[in-house]
Structure formats: C-alpha cells, structure tokens
C-alpha cells in the first residue's frame, strides 16, 4: 500500500510541477520574462506563490525548467552507454535523436515557440545569466564523465579541456539552430543541415578529446 501511495504522490508532484511550468511558459512567451511576476504565475496555475517556490527556487528556473533534465539525460546516457562506446559518440547520437524527435534540446525545433523562447531568453539579463550558469554546470558534469570513462581526475587538464570543447561543440550546433529558427527558414531543410553539422562537429570533437587524454 505504501508503494502505491508513494507512487501517487510522486505523480501528483510531477503533474503540479508541469502545471506550474506550463502556466509560466505561456505567460513569459506572451509578455516576456521580466514583465511577469511569480505571483501571476501562481495565479495562472491555481497554486500559491509558496508552492511555486517549492518546485522552482528561482524565477529563472520556471522558464529554464528543462535544464536539470538535460544534465540528468547526459549523465545517464554516458554512464549507461554500451561497452566500448566512446562518450563523444554517445553525446552525438543523443543529440541526433533529440533533433529527430523535434525536441528543443537537440538544437533545433521547427515550431514557432522555439524562436520565441530564445528571443525571451536573450531579452532578459537574468535568463542569460542563468544560461551561462547552466553551461558551467554542464562543463563540470562532462569533466566528471570523461574522468569516469578514463579512470582519471575530473580536474586533470585533459578532462577540463575535453569538457570545454564538448560544450563549445554543443553551443556551436545549438546557436546555428537558433539562428535558422530566427530566420524562419524551412523546417525540414534546417533540421537536415543541423544534423549534418552535428555529425561534422562531433567527429572533430572526438579526435580532440582523444588527444586530450595524454594531458
């Protein structure tokens, strides 16, 4: 009985979190991040402001709510990779899969809200600052993952450099996708070109990361 109750509670928490996130995203896309208060988000979601902060400690996390998911996904995919698979190959395949699924984490999505989402981010100093923090968190995670794969120290120069290059590769692809979305280019053509760029960038990244292992 306890397991059933625990399961129901967890499902309720996920549903409440998603409800708040959806309400916040709708308001931010419509009016911009800085012109919406947490109180307004709470009212739109039908919860209290305290409940909002229980799920999202910072206002920025209401809009960038998938960042923790992205970190967890990267860690899981690399740590659970098939025997012999290179971490960079796993990251490449993950990004290609997300792109094919139309998931914004893959670097490009053809729906109009994708461009509007990043417009809102770029218009808000608070959001852009939080994105920079996320990039640092991703780099730290990748350094640990490369270290685990090689049985070395996460702070070894090779792992730190490899992580920085991996983040640069991801940012290069993502920025290309965002620019195409802003330009309103054809969705399928843009997706195909982003996929090609992923293949090229991560091929070069793998060679660079393998060279880093000697540092």
N, C-alpha and C. Protein backbone atom coordinates (compact mmCIF):
# COMPACT_ATOMS: atom_id res chain seq x y z
N UNK A 1 0.83 -1.20 0.00
CA UNK A 1 0.00 0.00 0.00
C UNK A 1 0.86 1.26 0.00
N UNK A 2 1.96 1.18 0.78
CA UNK A 2 2.85 2.34 0.86
C UNK A 2 3.45 2.69 -0.48
N UNK A 3 3.86 1.68 -1.26
CA UNK A 3 4.45 1.95 -2.56
C UNK A 3 3.45 2.61 -3.50
N UNK A 4 2.19 2.19 -3.42
CA UNK A 4 1.16 2.79 -4.26
C UNK A 4 0.96 4.26 -3.89
N UNK A 5 0.90 4.52 -2.59
CA UNK A 5 0.72 5.91 -2.13
C UNK A 5 1.91 6.77 -2.52
N UNK A 6 3.11 6.21 -2.37
CA UNK A 6 4.31 6.96 -2.76
C UNK A 6 4.27 7.27 -4.25
N UNK A 7 3.84 6.28 -5.03
CA UNK A 7 3.76 6.48 -6.47
C UNK A 7 2.76 7.55 -6.85
N UNK A 8 1.63 7.56 -6.17
CA UNK A 8 0.61 8.57 -6.43
C UNK A 8 1.11 9.97 -6.06
N UNK A 9 1.83 10.04 -4.93
CA UNK A 9 2.37 11.34 -4.51
C UNK A 9 3.38 11.87 -5.52
N UNK A 10 4.23 10.99 -6.00
CA UNK A 10 5.24 11.41 -6.97
C UNK A 10 4.59 11.86 -8.28
N UNK A 11 3.55 11.14 -8.70
CA UNK A 11 2.85 11.53 -9.92
C UNK A 11 2.17 12.88 -9.74
N UNK A 12 1.60 13.09 -8.56
CA UNK A 12 0.96 14.38 -8.27
C UNK A 12 1.97 15.50 -8.29
N UNK A 13 3.15 15.26 -7.74
CA UNK A 13 4.20 16.27 -7.74
C UNK A 13 4.62 16.61 -9.18
N UNK A 14 4.78 15.58 -10.00
CA UNK A 14 5.17 15.82 -11.39
C UNK A 14 4.10 16.62 -12.13
N UNK A 15 2.84 16.26 -11.87
CA UNK A 15 1.75 16.97 -12.53
C UNK A 15 1.69 18.43 -12.09
N UNK A 16 1.89 18.67 -10.80
CA UNK A 16 1.86 20.05 -10.29
C UNK A 16 3.02 20.85 -10.87
N UNK A 17 4.19 20.23 -10.91
CA UNK A 17 5.36 20.91 -11.46
C UNK A 17 5.12 21.28 -12.92
N UNK A 18 4.56 20.35 -13.68
CA UNK A 18 4.30 20.61 -15.10
C UNK A 18 3.24 21.68 -15.27
N UNK A 19 2.23 21.66 -14.41
CA UNK A 19 1.17 22.68 -14.46
C UNK A 19 1.76 24.07 -14.26
N UNK A 20 2.61 24.20 -13.26
CA UNK A 20 3.24 25.50 -12.97
C UNK A 20 4.14 25.92 -14.13
N UNK A 21 4.93 24.97 -14.63
CA UNK A 21 5.84 25.27 -15.73
C UNK A 21 5.08 25.72 -16.97
N UNK A 22 4.01 25.02 -17.31
CA UNK A 22 3.23 25.39 -18.49
C UNK A 22 2.61 26.77 -18.35
N UNK A 23 2.09 27.07 -17.15
CA UNK A 23 1.49 28.39 -16.92
C UNK A 23 2.54 29.48 -17.05
N UNK A 24 3.72 29.24 -16.47
CA UNK A 24 4.79 30.23 -16.52
C UNK A 24 5.27 30.44 -17.96
N UNK A 25 5.48 29.35 -18.68
CA UNK A 25 5.97 29.46 -20.05
C UNK A 25 5.00 30.24 -20.92
N UNK A 26 3.72 29.95 -20.78
CA UNK A 26 2.73 30.69 -21.56
C UNK A 26 2.77 32.18 -21.30
N UNK A 27 2.88 32.57 -20.03
CA UNK A 27 2.93 33.99 -19.68
C UNK A 27 4.22 34.63 -20.17
N UNK A 28 5.35 33.93 -20.00
CA UNK A 28 6.64 34.50 -20.42
C UNK A 28 6.70 34.67 -21.93
N UNK A 29 6.20 33.68 -22.68
CA UNK A 29 6.22 33.79 -24.14
C UNK A 29 5.33 34.94 -24.61
N UNK A 30 4.26 35.18 -23.90
CA UNK A 30 3.32 36.23 -24.29
C UNK A 30 3.82 37.62 -23.93
N UNK A 31 4.39 37.76 -22.73
CA UNK A 31 4.71 39.10 -22.22
C UNK A 31 6.18 39.34 -21.96
N UNK A 32 7.00 38.33 -22.06
CA UNK A 32 8.41 38.50 -21.72
C UNK A 32 8.66 38.10 -20.28
N UNK A 33 9.88 37.74 -19.96
CA UNK A 33 10.20 37.22 -18.63
C UNK A 33 10.11 38.27 -17.54
N UNK A 34 10.68 39.44 -17.78
CA UNK A 34 10.78 40.45 -16.74
C UNK A 34 9.46 41.13 -16.41
N UNK A 35 8.46 41.00 -17.29
CA UNK A 35 7.18 41.67 -17.07
C UNK A 35 6.14 40.75 -16.43
N UNK A 36 6.56 39.56 -16.00
CA UNK A 36 5.65 38.61 -15.35
C UNK A 36 6.18 38.34 -13.95
N UNK A 37 5.31 38.38 -12.96
CA UNK A 37 5.72 38.11 -11.58
C UNK A 37 5.43 36.66 -11.21
N UNK A 38 6.09 36.19 -10.18
CA UNK A 38 5.83 34.84 -9.68
C UNK A 38 4.39 34.73 -9.19
N UNK A 39 3.88 35.82 -8.62
CA UNK A 39 2.50 35.83 -8.15
C UNK A 39 1.52 35.60 -9.29
N UNK A 40 1.81 36.18 -10.44
CA UNK A 40 0.95 35.98 -11.61
C UNK A 40 1.03 34.55 -12.12
N UNK A 41 2.21 33.97 -12.06
CA UNK A 41 2.36 32.57 -12.45
C UNK A 41 1.54 31.68 -11.52
N UNK A 42 1.64 31.94 -10.23
CA UNK A 42 0.91 31.16 -9.25
C UNK A 42 -0.59 31.24 -9.49
N UNK A 43 -1.06 32.45 -9.76
CA UNK A 43 -2.49 32.64 -10.01
C UNK A 43 -2.94 31.88 -11.26
N UNK A 44 -2.12 31.95 -12.31
CA UNK A 44 -2.47 31.26 -13.55
C UNK A 44 -2.48 29.74 -13.37
N UNK A 45 -1.61 29.24 -12.49
CA UNK A 45 -1.52 27.80 -12.25
C UNK A 45 -2.51 27.33 -11.20
N UNK A 46 -3.13 28.27 -10.49
CA UNK A 46 -4.07 27.91 -9.44
C UNK A 46 -3.41 27.37 -8.19
N UNK A 47 -2.20 27.88 -7.90
CA UNK A 47 -1.49 27.46 -6.69
C UNK A 47 -0.99 28.71 -5.97
N UNK A 48 -0.39 28.53 -4.81
CA UNK A 48 0.16 29.66 -4.08
C UNK A 48 1.58 29.96 -4.55
N UNK A 49 2.04 31.18 -4.27
CA UNK A 49 3.42 31.53 -4.62
C UNK A 49 4.40 30.64 -3.88
N UNK A 50 4.06 30.25 -2.64
CA UNK A 50 4.92 29.35 -1.88
C UNK A 50 5.07 28.02 -2.58
N UNK A 51 3.98 27.52 -3.15
CA UNK A 51 4.05 26.25 -3.89
C UNK A 51 4.95 26.38 -5.11
N UNK A 52 4.86 27.52 -5.79
CA UNK A 52 5.73 27.75 -6.95
C UNK A 52 7.20 27.64 -6.54
N UNK A 53 7.56 28.30 -5.43
CA UNK A 53 8.96 28.29 -4.99
C UNK A 53 9.37 26.93 -4.43
N UNK A 54 8.42 26.13 -3.98
CA UNK A 54 8.75 24.77 -3.54
C UNK A 54 9.26 23.94 -4.71
N UNK A 55 8.74 24.20 -5.89
CA UNK A 55 9.15 23.45 -7.08
C UNK A 55 10.25 24.14 -7.88
N UNK A 56 10.25 25.46 -7.82
CA UNK A 56 11.22 26.24 -8.59
C UNK A 56 11.81 27.32 -7.68
N UNK A 57 12.94 27.05 -7.05
CA UNK A 57 13.52 28.00 -6.09
C UNK A 57 13.83 29.38 -6.68
N UNK A 58 14.09 29.42 -7.99
CA UNK A 58 14.40 30.70 -8.64
C UNK A 58 13.41 30.95 -9.77
N UNK A 59 13.06 32.21 -9.96
CA UNK A 59 12.13 32.54 -11.03
C UNK A 59 12.66 32.07 -12.38
N UNK A 60 13.97 32.21 -12.60
CA UNK A 60 14.55 31.82 -13.88
C UNK A 60 14.31 30.35 -14.19
N UNK A 61 14.25 29.52 -13.14
CA UNK A 61 14.08 28.09 -13.35
C UNK A 61 12.67 27.73 -13.82
N UNK A 62 11.73 28.66 -13.68
CA UNK A 62 10.39 28.44 -14.22
C UNK A 62 10.43 28.35 -15.74
N UNK A 63 11.28 29.14 -16.35
CA UNK A 63 11.36 29.17 -17.81
C UNK A 63 12.42 28.22 -18.34
N UNK A 64 13.48 28.05 -17.58
CA UNK A 64 14.57 27.15 -17.99
C UNK A 64 14.43 25.83 -17.25
N UNK A 65 13.21 25.35 -17.16
CA UNK A 65 12.91 24.19 -16.31
C UNK A 65 13.47 22.88 -16.84
N UNK A 66 13.88 22.84 -18.10
CA UNK A 66 14.40 21.59 -18.66
C UNK A 66 15.90 21.44 -18.50
N UNK A 67 16.55 22.46 -17.98
CA UNK A 67 18.00 22.37 -17.82
C UNK A 67 18.42 21.22 -16.90
N UNK A 68 17.80 21.06 -15.73
CA UNK A 68 18.16 19.91 -14.89
C UNK A 68 17.93 18.58 -15.60
N UNK A 69 16.85 18.51 -16.35
CA UNK A 69 16.56 17.29 -17.12
C UNK A 69 17.67 17.01 -18.12
N UNK A 70 18.17 18.07 -18.75
CA UNK A 70 19.23 17.90 -19.74
C UNK A 70 20.50 17.33 -19.10
N UNK A 71 20.85 17.85 -17.93
CA UNK A 71 22.03 17.34 -17.23
C UNK A 71 21.85 15.87 -16.85
N UNK A 72 20.68 15.53 -16.35
CA UNK A 72 20.41 14.14 -15.97
C UNK A 72 20.46 13.22 -17.18
N UNK A 73 19.93 13.70 -18.30
CA UNK A 73 19.91 12.90 -19.52
C UNK A 73 21.32 12.62 -20.03
N UNK A 74 22.15 13.65 -20.05
CA UNK A 74 23.53 13.48 -20.49
C UNK A 74 24.27 12.49 -19.60
N UNK A 75 24.13 12.67 -18.29
CA UNK A 75 24.82 11.77 -17.35
C UNK A 75 24.36 10.32 -17.53
N UNK A 76 23.06 10.13 -17.65
CA UNK A 76 22.53 8.77 -17.78
C UNK A 76 22.99 8.11 -19.08
N UNK A 77 22.93 8.85 -20.18
CA UNK A 77 23.31 8.28 -21.47
C UNK A 77 24.78 7.88 -21.50
N UNK A 78 25.64 8.72 -20.94
CA UNK A 78 27.07 8.42 -20.95
C UNK A 78 27.40 7.28 -19.99
N UNK A 79 26.83 7.32 -18.80
CA UNK A 79 27.14 6.29 -17.81
C UNK A 79 26.56 4.93 -18.17
N UNK A 80 25.46 4.90 -18.90
CA UNK A 80 24.83 3.64 -19.26
C UNK A 80 25.11 3.25 -20.71
N UNK A 81 26.15 3.82 -21.30
CA UNK A 81 26.48 3.53 -22.69
C UNK A 81 26.91 2.07 -22.87
N UNK A 82 26.74 1.53 -24.07
CA UNK A 82 27.18 0.16 -24.33
C UNK A 82 28.69 0.03 -24.15
N UNK A 83 29.14 -1.14 -23.82
CA UNK A 83 30.56 -1.38 -23.62
C UNK A 83 31.32 -1.03 -24.89
N UNK A 84 32.38 -0.28 -24.73
CA UNK A 84 33.22 0.10 -25.87
C UNK A 84 32.79 1.38 -26.56
N UNK A 85 31.61 1.89 -26.24
CA UNK A 85 31.14 3.12 -26.88
C UNK A 85 31.87 4.33 -26.32
N UNK A 86 32.31 5.21 -27.18
CA UNK A 86 33.02 6.41 -26.75
C UNK A 86 32.01 7.45 -26.25
N UNK A 87 32.29 8.14 -25.14
CA UNK A 87 31.36 9.15 -24.64
C UNK A 87 30.95 10.20 -25.67
N UNK A 88 31.87 10.61 -26.52
CA UNK A 88 31.54 11.61 -27.53
C UNK A 88 30.55 11.06 -28.54
N UNK A 89 30.72 9.79 -28.90
CA UNK A 89 29.78 9.16 -29.83
C UNK A 89 28.39 9.08 -29.21
N UNK A 90 28.34 8.82 -27.92
CA UNK A 90 27.06 8.77 -27.21
C UNK A 90 26.40 10.15 -27.21
N UNK A 91 27.18 11.19 -26.96
CA UNK A 91 26.64 12.55 -26.98
C UNK A 91 26.13 12.92 -28.37
N UNK A 92 26.88 12.54 -29.39
CA UNK A 92 26.44 12.80 -30.77
C UNK A 92 25.12 12.11 -31.07
N UNK A 93 25.04 10.82 -30.73
CA UNK A 93 23.82 10.06 -31.01
C UNK A 93 22.63 10.60 -30.23
N UNK A 94 22.88 11.05 -29.01
CA UNK A 94 21.81 11.63 -28.20
C UNK A 94 21.28 12.90 -28.86
N UNK A 95 22.17 13.75 -29.32
CA UNK A 95 21.74 15.00 -29.93
C UNK A 95 21.00 14.74 -31.23
N UNK A 96 21.47 13.78 -32.01
CA UNK A 96 20.79 13.44 -33.26
C UNK A 96 19.39 12.89 -32.99
N UNK A 97 19.28 12.09 -31.95
CA UNK A 97 17.97 11.52 -31.61
C UNK A 97 16.99 12.60 -31.17
N UNK A 98 17.46 13.51 -30.32
CA UNK A 98 16.60 14.59 -29.86
C UNK A 98 16.19 15.49 -31.02
N UNK A 99 17.11 15.75 -31.92
CA UNK A 99 16.80 16.57 -33.10
C UNK A 99 15.73 15.89 -33.94
N UNK A 100 15.88 14.60 -34.19
CA UNK A 100 14.92 13.85 -35.00
C UNK A 100 13.54 13.83 -34.36
N UNK A 101 13.51 13.83 -33.02
CA UNK A 101 12.24 13.81 -32.29
C UNK A 101 11.59 15.18 -32.20
N UNK A 102 12.30 16.21 -32.67
CA UNK A 102 11.77 17.57 -32.58
C UNK A 102 11.91 18.17 -31.21
N UNK A 103 12.75 17.56 -30.38
CA UNK A 103 12.98 18.06 -29.03
C UNK A 103 13.93 19.25 -29.10
N UNK A 104 13.57 20.35 -28.44
CA UNK A 104 14.39 21.56 -28.49
C UNK A 104 15.80 21.33 -27.96
N UNK A 105 15.99 20.33 -27.10
CA UNK A 105 17.33 20.04 -26.59
C UNK A 105 18.27 19.55 -27.69
N UNK A 106 17.70 19.13 -28.83
CA UNK A 106 18.51 18.65 -29.93
C UNK A 106 19.14 19.75 -30.77
N UNK A 107 18.81 21.00 -30.48
CA UNK A 107 19.46 22.09 -31.19
C UNK A 107 18.59 22.82 -32.18
N UNK A 108 17.42 22.25 -32.50
CA UNK A 108 16.53 22.93 -33.44
C UNK A 108 15.14 22.33 -33.34
N UNK A 109 14.13 23.19 -33.40
CA UNK A 109 12.74 22.73 -33.46
C UNK A 109 12.00 23.67 -34.40
N UNK A 110 11.17 23.13 -35.26
CA UNK A 110 10.53 23.93 -36.29
C UNK A 110 9.33 24.73 -35.78
N UNK A 111 8.84 24.41 -34.60
CA UNK A 111 7.66 25.13 -34.10
C UNK A 111 8.00 26.58 -33.76
N UNK A 112 7.07 27.51 -34.00
CA UNK A 112 7.32 28.94 -33.79
C UNK A 112 7.77 29.27 -32.37
N UNK A 113 7.30 28.52 -31.38
CA UNK A 113 7.64 28.84 -29.99
C UNK A 113 9.13 28.68 -29.71
N UNK A 114 9.85 27.90 -30.54
CA UNK A 114 11.28 27.71 -30.32
C UNK A 114 12.03 29.03 -30.48
N UNK A 115 11.74 29.74 -31.58
CA UNK A 115 12.38 31.04 -31.80
C UNK A 115 11.94 32.05 -30.74
N UNK A 116 10.66 32.05 -30.42
CA UNK A 116 10.15 33.00 -29.43
C UNK A 116 10.78 32.72 -28.06
N UNK A 117 10.96 31.45 -27.73
CA UNK A 117 11.57 31.07 -26.46
C UNK A 117 12.94 31.73 -26.31
N UNK A 118 13.77 31.60 -27.35
CA UNK A 118 15.13 32.14 -27.24
C UNK A 118 15.14 33.65 -27.37
N UNK A 119 14.14 34.21 -28.01
CA UNK A 119 14.02 35.67 -28.01
C UNK A 119 13.79 36.19 -26.60
N UNK A 120 12.91 35.50 -25.86
CA UNK A 120 12.63 35.88 -24.47
C UNK A 120 13.90 35.77 -23.64
N UNK A 121 14.66 34.69 -23.83
CA UNK A 121 15.90 34.50 -23.08
C UNK A 121 16.88 35.63 -23.35
N UNK A 122 17.07 35.94 -24.62
CA UNK A 122 18.06 36.95 -24.98
C UNK A 122 17.66 38.36 -24.53
N UNK A 123 16.37 38.58 -24.34
CA UNK A 123 15.89 39.89 -23.89
C UNK A 123 16.02 40.07 -22.39
N UNK A 124 16.33 39.01 -21.65
CA UNK A 124 16.36 39.09 -20.19
C UNK A 124 17.77 38.84 -19.65
N UNK A 125 18.39 39.83 -19.02
CA UNK A 125 19.71 39.63 -18.41
C UNK A 125 19.69 38.51 -17.37
N UNK A 126 18.60 38.37 -16.63
CA UNK A 126 18.53 37.32 -15.61
C UNK A 126 18.55 35.94 -16.24
N UNK A 127 17.84 35.77 -17.33
CA UNK A 127 17.80 34.47 -18.01
C UNK A 127 19.14 34.15 -18.68
N UNK A 128 19.74 35.14 -19.32
CA UNK A 128 21.01 34.88 -19.98
C UNK A 128 22.09 34.54 -18.95
N UNK A 129 22.02 35.16 -17.78
CA UNK A 129 22.97 34.84 -16.71
C UNK A 129 22.76 33.40 -16.23
N UNK A 130 21.51 32.98 -16.13
CA UNK A 130 21.22 31.60 -15.69
C UNK A 130 21.66 30.61 -16.75
N UNK A 131 21.54 30.96 -18.02
CA UNK A 131 22.02 30.08 -19.09
C UNK A 131 23.53 29.89 -18.96
N UNK A 132 24.24 30.97 -18.67
CA UNK A 132 25.69 30.86 -18.50
C UNK A 132 26.03 29.93 -17.33
N UNK A 133 25.25 30.02 -16.27
CA UNK A 133 25.47 29.12 -15.12
C UNK A 133 25.25 27.67 -15.54
N UNK A 134 24.22 27.44 -16.34
CA UNK A 134 23.95 26.09 -16.81
C UNK A 134 25.12 25.56 -17.65
N UNK A 135 25.67 26.41 -18.50
CA UNK A 135 26.80 26.00 -19.32
C UNK A 135 27.97 25.56 -18.44
N UNK A 136 28.20 26.30 -17.35
CA UNK A 136 29.27 25.92 -16.42
C UNK A 136 28.96 24.60 -15.74
N UNK A 137 27.69 24.39 -15.38
CA UNK A 137 27.29 23.13 -14.75
C UNK A 137 27.48 21.97 -15.72
N UNK A 138 27.13 22.18 -16.98
CA UNK A 138 27.31 21.15 -18.00
C UNK A 138 28.78 20.82 -18.20
N UNK A 139 29.61 21.84 -18.21
CA UNK A 139 31.05 21.61 -18.39
C UNK A 139 31.62 20.81 -17.22
N UNK A 140 31.22 21.15 -16.00
CA UNK A 140 31.69 20.40 -14.83
C UNK A 140 31.23 18.94 -14.90
N UNK A 141 29.99 18.73 -15.32
CA UNK A 141 29.47 17.37 -15.44
C UNK A 141 30.26 16.58 -16.48
N UNK A 142 30.52 17.18 -17.62
CA UNK A 142 31.24 16.47 -18.68
C UNK A 142 32.66 16.14 -18.24
N UNK A 143 33.29 17.03 -17.49
CA UNK A 143 34.64 16.73 -16.99
C UNK A 143 34.60 15.49 -16.10
N UNK A 144 33.57 15.39 -15.26
CA UNK A 144 33.43 14.20 -14.40
C UNK A 144 33.17 12.95 -15.22
N UNK A 145 32.35 13.08 -16.25
CA UNK A 145 32.02 11.92 -17.08
C UNK A 145 33.23 11.43 -17.87
N UNK A 146 34.01 12.36 -18.41
CA UNK A 146 35.22 11.97 -19.12
C UNK A 146 36.22 11.32 -18.16
N UNK A 147 36.27 11.85 -16.94
CA UNK A 147 37.18 11.28 -15.93
C UNK A 147 36.75 9.86 -15.57
N UNK A 148 35.45 9.67 -15.39
CA UNK A 148 34.95 8.33 -15.07
C UNK A 148 35.28 7.35 -16.18
N UNK A 149 35.12 7.79 -17.42
CA UNK A 149 35.37 6.92 -18.57
C UNK A 149 36.84 6.51 -18.66
N UNK A 150 37.72 7.44 -18.26
CA UNK A 150 39.15 7.15 -18.36
C UNK A 150 39.81 6.77 -17.06
N UNK A 151 39.04 6.78 -15.95
CA UNK A 151 39.61 6.45 -14.66
C UNK A 151 40.63 7.47 -14.20
N UNK A 152 40.33 8.74 -14.45
CA UNK A 152 41.28 9.80 -14.12
C UNK A 152 40.62 10.84 -13.23
N UNK A 153 41.35 11.92 -12.95
CA UNK A 153 40.87 13.00 -12.09
C UNK A 153 40.03 13.99 -12.91
N UNK A 154 38.82 14.34 -12.45
CA UNK A 154 38.00 15.30 -13.19
C UNK A 154 38.69 16.64 -13.43
N UNK A 155 39.59 17.01 -12.51
CA UNK A 155 40.27 18.29 -12.65
C UNK A 155 41.57 18.20 -13.43
N UNK A 156 41.87 17.04 -13.97
CA UNK A 156 43.06 16.91 -14.82
C UNK A 156 42.89 17.81 -16.04
N UNK A 157 43.97 18.46 -16.49
CA UNK A 157 43.86 19.39 -17.63
C UNK A 157 43.17 18.77 -18.84
N UNK A 158 43.46 17.51 -19.12
CA UNK A 158 42.85 16.88 -20.28
C UNK A 158 41.34 16.80 -20.18
N UNK A 159 40.84 16.44 -19.00
CA UNK A 159 39.39 16.33 -18.83
C UNK A 159 38.71 17.70 -18.86
N UNK A 160 39.34 18.70 -18.25
CA UNK A 160 38.75 20.04 -18.28
C UNK A 160 38.71 20.59 -19.71
N UNK A 161 39.78 20.35 -20.45
CA UNK A 161 39.82 20.84 -21.83
C UNK A 161 38.81 20.09 -22.70
N UNK A 162 38.73 18.78 -22.51
CA UNK A 162 37.77 17.98 -23.28
C UNK A 162 36.34 18.44 -23.00
N UNK A 163 36.05 18.71 -21.74
CA UNK A 163 34.70 19.17 -21.37
C UNK A 163 34.40 20.53 -22.00
N UNK A 164 35.38 21.42 -21.97
CA UNK A 164 35.18 22.75 -22.56
C UNK A 164 34.93 22.65 -24.05
N UNK A 165 35.65 21.78 -24.72
CA UNK A 165 35.46 21.59 -26.16
C UNK A 165 34.10 20.97 -26.45
N UNK A 166 33.68 20.04 -25.60
CA UNK A 166 32.37 19.40 -25.80
C UNK A 166 31.25 20.43 -25.67
N UNK A 167 31.37 21.30 -24.68
CA UNK A 167 30.38 22.36 -24.51
C UNK A 167 30.40 23.31 -25.71
N UNK A 168 31.59 23.63 -26.19
CA UNK A 168 31.71 24.51 -27.35
C UNK A 168 31.06 23.87 -28.58
N UNK A 169 31.22 22.56 -28.71
CA UNK A 169 30.60 21.86 -29.84
C UNK A 169 29.08 21.96 -29.77
N UNK A 170 28.55 21.72 -28.58
CA UNK A 170 27.10 21.78 -28.40
C UNK A 170 26.58 23.19 -28.66
N UNK A 171 27.28 24.17 -28.13
CA UNK A 171 26.84 25.56 -28.30
C UNK A 171 26.90 25.97 -29.77
N UNK A 172 27.90 25.50 -30.50
CA UNK A 172 28.02 25.83 -31.91
C UNK A 172 26.82 25.31 -32.69
N UNK A 173 26.47 24.06 -32.43
CA UNK A 173 25.32 23.46 -33.11
C UNK A 173 24.03 24.17 -32.71
N UNK A 174 23.88 24.40 -31.42
CA UNK A 174 22.63 24.99 -30.92
C UNK A 174 22.46 26.41 -31.45
N UNK A 175 23.52 27.18 -31.45
CA UNK A 175 23.43 28.56 -31.93
C UNK A 175 23.06 28.59 -33.41
N UNK A 176 23.56 27.62 -34.16
CA UNK A 176 23.20 27.52 -35.58
C UNK A 176 21.71 27.25 -35.74
N UNK A 177 21.19 26.33 -34.93
CA UNK A 177 19.77 26.03 -34.99
C UNK A 177 18.90 27.21 -34.61
N UNK A 178 19.31 27.94 -33.59
CA UNK A 178 18.54 29.12 -33.15
C UNK A 178 18.54 30.19 -34.24
N UNK A 179 19.69 30.41 -34.86
CA UNK A 179 19.75 31.41 -35.94
C UNK A 179 18.82 31.03 -37.09
N UNK A 180 18.76 29.76 -37.42
CA UNK A 180 17.88 29.31 -38.51
C UNK A 180 16.41 29.50 -38.11
N UNK A 181 16.13 29.26 -36.86
CA UNK A 181 14.75 29.45 -36.39
C UNK A 181 14.36 30.93 -36.45
N UNK A 182 15.29 31.82 -36.04
CA UNK A 182 15.02 33.25 -36.10
C UNK A 182 14.79 33.71 -37.54
N UNK A 183 15.52 33.09 -38.47
CA UNK A 183 15.40 33.48 -39.88
C UNK A 183 14.15 32.93 -40.54
N UNK A 184 13.47 32.03 -39.84
CA UNK A 184 12.25 31.45 -40.40
C UNK A 184 12.49 30.54 -41.58
N UNK A 185 13.66 29.88 -41.60
CA UNK A 185 13.99 29.01 -42.72
C UNK A 185 13.17 27.72 -42.67
N UNK A 186 13.13 27.04 -43.82
CA UNK A 186 12.36 25.80 -43.93
C UNK A 186 12.75 24.80 -42.86
N UNK A 187 11.75 24.26 -42.17
CA UNK A 187 12.00 23.39 -41.03
C UNK A 187 12.77 22.13 -41.36
N UNK A 188 12.33 21.39 -42.37
CA UNK A 188 12.98 20.12 -42.68
C UNK A 188 14.39 20.33 -43.22
N UNK A 189 14.56 21.35 -44.04
CA UNK A 189 15.89 21.65 -44.57
C UNK A 189 16.83 22.06 -43.45
N UNK A 190 16.33 22.89 -42.53
CA UNK A 190 17.15 23.33 -41.40
C UNK A 190 17.52 22.15 -40.51
N UNK A 191 16.56 21.29 -40.26
CA UNK A 191 16.83 20.12 -39.42
C UNK A 191 17.90 19.23 -40.06
N UNK A 192 17.83 19.03 -41.37
CA UNK A 192 18.82 18.21 -42.06
C UNK A 192 20.21 18.83 -41.99
N UNK A 193 20.27 20.15 -42.12
CA UNK A 193 21.57 20.82 -42.07
C UNK A 193 22.14 20.80 -40.66
N UNK A 194 21.29 20.94 -39.65
CA UNK A 194 21.77 20.85 -38.27
C UNK A 194 22.27 19.45 -37.98
N UNK A 195 21.57 18.43 -38.49
CA UNK A 195 22.02 17.04 -38.30
C UNK A 195 23.39 16.83 -38.93
N UNK A 196 23.58 17.38 -40.11
CA UNK A 196 24.88 17.26 -40.79
C UNK A 196 25.97 17.96 -39.98
N UNK A 197 25.63 19.11 -39.43
CA UNK A 197 26.61 19.84 -38.62
C UNK A 197 26.96 19.05 -37.36
N UNK A 198 25.98 18.42 -36.73
CA UNK A 198 26.25 17.59 -35.55
C UNK A 198 27.27 16.51 -35.90
N UNK A 199 27.06 15.84 -37.02
CA UNK A 199 27.99 14.77 -37.44
C UNK A 199 29.41 15.32 -37.60
N UNK A 200 29.54 16.44 -38.27
CA UNK A 200 30.86 17.01 -38.53
C UNK A 200 31.54 17.50 -37.26
N UNK A 201 30.79 18.25 -36.46
CA UNK A 201 31.36 18.84 -35.26
C UNK A 201 31.79 17.77 -34.26
N UNK A 202 30.93 16.76 -34.05
CA UNK A 202 31.25 15.75 -33.06
C UNK A 202 32.31 14.77 -33.56
N UNK A 203 32.47 14.64 -34.86
CA UNK A 203 33.57 13.84 -35.40
C UNK A 203 34.90 14.50 -35.04
N UNK A 204 34.97 15.80 -35.23
CA UNK A 204 36.20 16.52 -34.88
C UNK A 204 36.39 16.57 -33.37
N UNK A 205 35.29 16.69 -32.65
CA UNK A 205 35.39 16.71 -31.19
C UNK A 205 36.00 15.42 -30.66
N UNK A 206 35.59 14.30 -31.21
CA UNK A 206 36.13 13.02 -30.71
C UNK A 206 37.64 12.97 -30.88
N UNK A 207 38.14 13.40 -32.01
CA UNK A 207 39.60 13.40 -32.22
C UNK A 207 40.28 14.30 -31.21
N UNK A 208 39.68 15.46 -30.95
CA UNK A 208 40.27 16.39 -30.00
C UNK A 208 40.26 15.82 -28.58
N UNK A 209 39.14 15.19 -28.21
CA UNK A 209 39.03 14.62 -26.85
C UNK A 209 40.02 13.48 -26.67
N UNK A 210 40.19 12.66 -27.66
CA UNK A 210 41.15 11.55 -27.56
C UNK A 210 42.57 12.07 -27.39
N UNK A 211 42.89 13.18 -28.02
CA UNK A 211 44.22 13.77 -27.85
C UNK A 211 44.39 14.34 -26.46
N UNK A 212 43.29 14.83 -25.87
CA UNK A 212 43.34 15.41 -24.53
C UNK A 212 43.73 14.38 -23.46
N UNK A 213 43.49 13.12 -23.73
CA UNK A 213 43.71 12.09 -22.72
C UNK A 213 45.17 11.99 -22.31
N UNK A 214 46.08 12.54 -23.10
CA UNK A 214 47.51 12.44 -22.79
C UNK A 214 47.96 13.61 -21.91
N UNK A 215 47.08 14.60 -21.69
CA UNK A 215 47.49 15.76 -20.89
C UNK A 215 47.49 15.45 -19.40
